[in-house]
N, C-alpha and C. Protein backbone atom coordinates (compact mmCIF):
# COMPACT_ATOMS: atom_id res chain seq x y z
N MET A 1 -3.61 -19.28 -1.37
CA MET A 1 -3.45 -17.94 -0.81
C MET A 1 -2.82 -17.01 -1.89
N ARG A 2 -1.97 -16.18 -1.45
CA ARG A 2 -1.28 -15.27 -2.45
C ARG A 2 -0.16 -15.96 -3.22
N GLN A 3 -0.02 -15.57 -4.41
CA GLN A 3 1.11 -16.01 -5.18
C GLN A 3 1.83 -14.77 -5.64
N TRP A 4 2.93 -14.43 -5.05
CA TRP A 4 3.60 -13.21 -5.32
C TRP A 4 4.91 -13.56 -5.99
N SER A 5 5.05 -13.12 -7.26
CA SER A 5 6.28 -13.51 -8.02
C SER A 5 7.38 -12.45 -7.72
N ASN A 6 8.48 -12.61 -8.26
CA ASN A 6 9.65 -11.79 -8.00
C ASN A 6 9.62 -10.46 -8.77
N VAL A 7 8.58 -10.20 -9.59
CA VAL A 7 8.54 -9.01 -10.39
C VAL A 7 7.29 -8.21 -10.10
N LEU A 8 6.70 -8.39 -8.86
CA LEU A 8 5.47 -7.66 -8.45
C LEU A 8 4.32 -7.96 -9.36
N TYR A 9 4.25 -9.18 -9.87
CA TYR A 9 3.07 -9.52 -10.68
C TYR A 9 2.21 -10.51 -9.94
N TRP A 10 0.95 -10.16 -9.81
CA TRP A 10 -0.01 -11.03 -9.09
C TRP A 10 -0.61 -12.06 -10.01
N GLN A 11 -0.47 -13.31 -9.64
CA GLN A 11 -1.10 -14.42 -10.45
C GLN A 11 -2.49 -14.70 -9.96
N ASP A 12 -2.81 -14.26 -8.80
CA ASP A 12 -4.06 -14.51 -8.11
C ASP A 12 -4.75 -13.19 -7.91
N GLN A 13 -5.80 -12.97 -8.79
CA GLN A 13 -6.48 -11.66 -8.82
C GLN A 13 -7.18 -11.38 -7.49
N ALA A 14 -7.73 -12.38 -6.78
CA ALA A 14 -8.33 -12.20 -5.48
C ALA A 14 -7.37 -11.73 -4.47
N ALA A 15 -6.19 -12.29 -4.49
CA ALA A 15 -5.10 -11.85 -3.60
C ALA A 15 -4.67 -10.43 -3.94
N LEU A 16 -4.64 -10.06 -5.13
CA LEU A 16 -4.30 -8.70 -5.53
C LEU A 16 -5.33 -7.75 -4.96
N ARG A 17 -6.61 -8.06 -5.11
CA ARG A 17 -7.65 -7.18 -4.51
C ARG A 17 -7.57 -7.06 -3.05
N THR A 18 -7.32 -8.18 -2.34
CA THR A 18 -7.09 -8.11 -0.89
C THR A 18 -5.93 -7.23 -0.52
N TYR A 19 -4.82 -7.39 -1.24
CA TYR A 19 -3.60 -6.51 -1.03
C TYR A 19 -3.95 -5.08 -1.13
N MET A 20 -4.59 -4.70 -2.37
CA MET A 20 -4.92 -3.33 -2.63
C MET A 20 -5.92 -2.74 -1.58
N VAL A 21 -6.90 -3.45 -1.15
CA VAL A 21 -7.86 -3.01 -0.18
C VAL A 21 -7.14 -2.77 1.12
N ASP A 22 -6.33 -3.70 1.52
CA ASP A 22 -5.57 -3.60 2.78
C ASP A 22 -4.61 -2.30 2.71
N LEU A 23 -3.95 -2.08 1.64
CA LEU A 23 -3.04 -0.99 1.48
C LEU A 23 -3.80 0.31 1.51
N HIS A 24 -4.91 0.37 0.77
CA HIS A 24 -5.76 1.55 0.77
C HIS A 24 -6.25 1.86 2.14
N GLN A 25 -6.76 0.85 2.84
CA GLN A 25 -7.25 1.16 4.23
C GLN A 25 -6.15 1.62 5.21
N GLN A 26 -4.99 1.04 5.11
CA GLN A 26 -3.92 1.52 5.95
C GLN A 26 -3.62 3.00 5.67
N VAL A 27 -3.43 3.27 4.37
CA VAL A 27 -3.11 4.67 4.00
C VAL A 27 -4.21 5.62 4.40
N LEU A 28 -5.46 5.27 4.13
CA LEU A 28 -6.62 6.10 4.53
C LEU A 28 -6.60 6.37 5.96
N ASP A 29 -6.43 5.34 6.78
CA ASP A 29 -6.45 5.53 8.26
C ASP A 29 -5.27 6.46 8.68
N LEU A 30 -4.16 6.30 8.08
CA LEU A 30 -2.98 7.17 8.46
C LEU A 30 -3.20 8.60 7.99
N VAL A 31 -3.72 8.76 6.81
CA VAL A 31 -4.12 10.14 6.33
C VAL A 31 -5.11 10.83 7.21
N ARG A 32 -6.15 10.10 7.60
CA ARG A 32 -7.14 10.60 8.42
C ARG A 32 -6.71 11.00 9.85
N SER A 33 -5.63 10.24 10.22
CA SER A 33 -5.09 10.60 11.58
C SER A 33 -4.18 11.77 11.56
N GLY A 34 -3.93 12.33 10.34
CA GLY A 34 -3.18 13.55 10.20
C GLY A 34 -1.66 13.36 10.11
N GLN A 35 -1.24 12.14 9.73
CA GLN A 35 0.18 11.91 9.63
C GLN A 35 0.76 12.48 8.33
N SER A 36 1.89 13.09 8.50
CA SER A 36 2.62 13.67 7.32
C SER A 36 3.18 12.51 6.47
N TRP A 37 3.71 12.88 5.27
CA TRP A 37 4.28 11.85 4.49
C TRP A 37 5.42 11.12 5.12
N ASP A 38 6.31 11.88 5.81
CA ASP A 38 7.43 11.27 6.55
C ASP A 38 6.99 10.27 7.52
N GLN A 39 5.81 10.44 8.20
CA GLN A 39 5.36 9.45 9.15
C GLN A 39 4.62 8.35 8.42
N LEU A 40 3.81 8.68 7.44
CA LEU A 40 2.97 7.71 6.76
C LEU A 40 3.66 6.58 6.12
N TYR A 41 4.69 6.92 5.29
CA TYR A 41 5.30 5.85 4.56
C TYR A 41 6.12 4.87 5.45
N ARG A 42 6.42 5.38 6.65
CA ARG A 42 7.15 4.50 7.56
C ARG A 42 6.15 3.55 8.39
N ASN A 43 4.91 3.99 8.43
CA ASN A 43 3.93 3.24 9.23
C ASN A 43 3.00 2.32 8.43
N VAL A 44 3.21 2.23 7.17
CA VAL A 44 2.42 1.22 6.38
C VAL A 44 3.23 -0.14 6.49
N ARG A 45 2.43 -1.16 6.79
CA ARG A 45 3.06 -2.43 6.95
C ARG A 45 2.68 -3.40 5.77
N PHE A 46 3.76 -4.10 5.33
CA PHE A 46 3.50 -5.13 4.25
C PHE A 46 3.73 -6.47 4.85
N SER A 47 3.09 -7.48 4.24
CA SER A 47 3.27 -8.83 4.70
C SER A 47 4.72 -9.36 4.37
N ASP A 48 5.05 -10.43 5.01
CA ASP A 48 6.37 -10.98 4.78
C ASP A 48 6.50 -11.47 3.31
N GLU A 49 5.35 -11.93 2.81
CA GLU A 49 5.33 -12.35 1.44
C GLU A 49 5.69 -11.26 0.44
N VAL A 50 5.12 -10.12 0.73
CA VAL A 50 5.43 -8.89 -0.16
C VAL A 50 6.85 -8.48 0.04
N LYS A 51 7.28 -8.52 1.29
CA LYS A 51 8.67 -8.07 1.57
C LYS A 51 9.65 -8.98 0.93
N GLY A 52 9.27 -10.19 0.67
CA GLY A 52 10.18 -11.26 0.05
C GLY A 52 10.43 -11.03 -1.44
N SER A 53 9.72 -10.12 -2.05
CA SER A 53 9.91 -9.76 -3.43
C SER A 53 11.24 -9.14 -3.65
N ILE A 54 11.91 -9.45 -4.80
CA ILE A 54 13.22 -8.86 -5.02
C ILE A 54 13.22 -7.39 -5.36
N VAL A 55 12.09 -6.88 -5.70
CA VAL A 55 11.95 -5.42 -5.97
C VAL A 55 11.28 -4.65 -4.83
N TYR A 56 11.03 -5.29 -3.75
CA TYR A 56 10.35 -4.68 -2.66
C TYR A 56 11.07 -3.47 -2.20
N ASP A 57 12.42 -3.52 -1.93
CA ASP A 57 13.22 -2.48 -1.44
C ASP A 57 13.13 -1.19 -2.31
N ALA A 58 13.13 -1.47 -3.66
CA ALA A 58 13.10 -0.38 -4.54
C ALA A 58 11.72 0.26 -4.78
N MET A 59 10.70 -0.55 -4.55
CA MET A 59 9.25 -0.12 -4.95
C MET A 59 8.38 0.24 -3.78
N HIS A 60 8.62 -0.23 -2.59
CA HIS A 60 7.57 -0.09 -1.55
C HIS A 60 7.28 1.35 -1.17
N THR A 61 8.22 2.21 -1.25
CA THR A 61 7.98 3.68 -1.02
C THR A 61 7.11 4.23 -2.12
N LEU A 62 7.48 3.89 -3.36
CA LEU A 62 6.64 4.38 -4.48
C LEU A 62 5.23 3.88 -4.51
N ILE A 63 5.02 2.60 -4.05
CA ILE A 63 3.70 2.10 -3.97
C ILE A 63 2.84 2.82 -2.92
N VAL A 64 3.46 3.10 -1.77
CA VAL A 64 2.74 3.89 -0.75
C VAL A 64 2.55 5.26 -1.28
N LEU A 65 3.47 5.90 -1.87
CA LEU A 65 3.28 7.22 -2.47
C LEU A 65 2.11 7.32 -3.43
N GLY A 66 2.01 6.33 -4.31
CA GLY A 66 0.85 6.24 -5.22
C GLY A 66 -0.49 6.13 -4.52
N MET A 67 -0.49 5.27 -3.48
CA MET A 67 -1.75 5.15 -2.77
C MET A 67 -2.05 6.35 -1.92
N GLN A 68 -1.04 7.00 -1.40
CA GLN A 68 -1.28 8.25 -0.66
C GLN A 68 -1.83 9.38 -1.53
N ARG A 69 -1.29 9.43 -2.72
CA ARG A 69 -1.81 10.41 -3.73
C ARG A 69 -3.27 10.12 -4.15
N TRP A 70 -3.59 8.83 -4.27
CA TRP A 70 -4.91 8.42 -4.67
C TRP A 70 -5.87 8.83 -3.52
N VAL A 71 -5.50 8.49 -2.26
CA VAL A 71 -6.35 8.73 -1.17
C VAL A 71 -6.60 10.25 -0.96
N THR A 72 -5.52 10.99 -1.07
CA THR A 72 -5.72 12.50 -0.80
C THR A 72 -6.48 13.10 -1.94
N ASN A 73 -6.37 12.65 -3.11
CA ASN A 73 -7.10 13.24 -4.33
C ASN A 73 -8.55 12.80 -4.35
N HIS A 74 -8.90 11.76 -3.61
CA HIS A 74 -10.28 11.18 -3.77
C HIS A 74 -11.03 11.18 -2.47
N ARG A 75 -10.56 11.99 -1.50
CA ARG A 75 -11.26 12.04 -0.23
C ARG A 75 -12.57 12.84 -0.41
N ARG A 76 -13.54 12.50 0.39
CA ARG A 76 -14.85 13.15 0.31
C ARG A 76 -15.22 13.82 1.62
N GLY A 77 -15.63 15.13 1.52
CA GLY A 77 -16.19 15.77 2.65
C GLY A 77 -15.09 16.08 3.71
N ALA A 78 -15.50 16.64 4.81
CA ALA A 78 -14.57 16.93 5.86
C ALA A 78 -14.65 15.77 6.90
N TRP A 79 -13.49 15.25 7.24
CA TRP A 79 -13.40 14.23 8.19
C TRP A 79 -12.38 14.53 9.20
């Protein structure tokens, strides 16, 4: 399954892809539902494995912010 090290480095590229696709889908769904940033970053859920990383507390908000910027800058059409 996933191998998550203590420095947010993925040793398993398939697990990284699964993580990124899941994160993207969560953020996309929340943006499409019209949630503001204050609501959005609180509603993204991470697995216990990711939460166990020693840098999770410092980085999870920034990770969600980066994905939120990606999603809002790359949306297509009116939805």
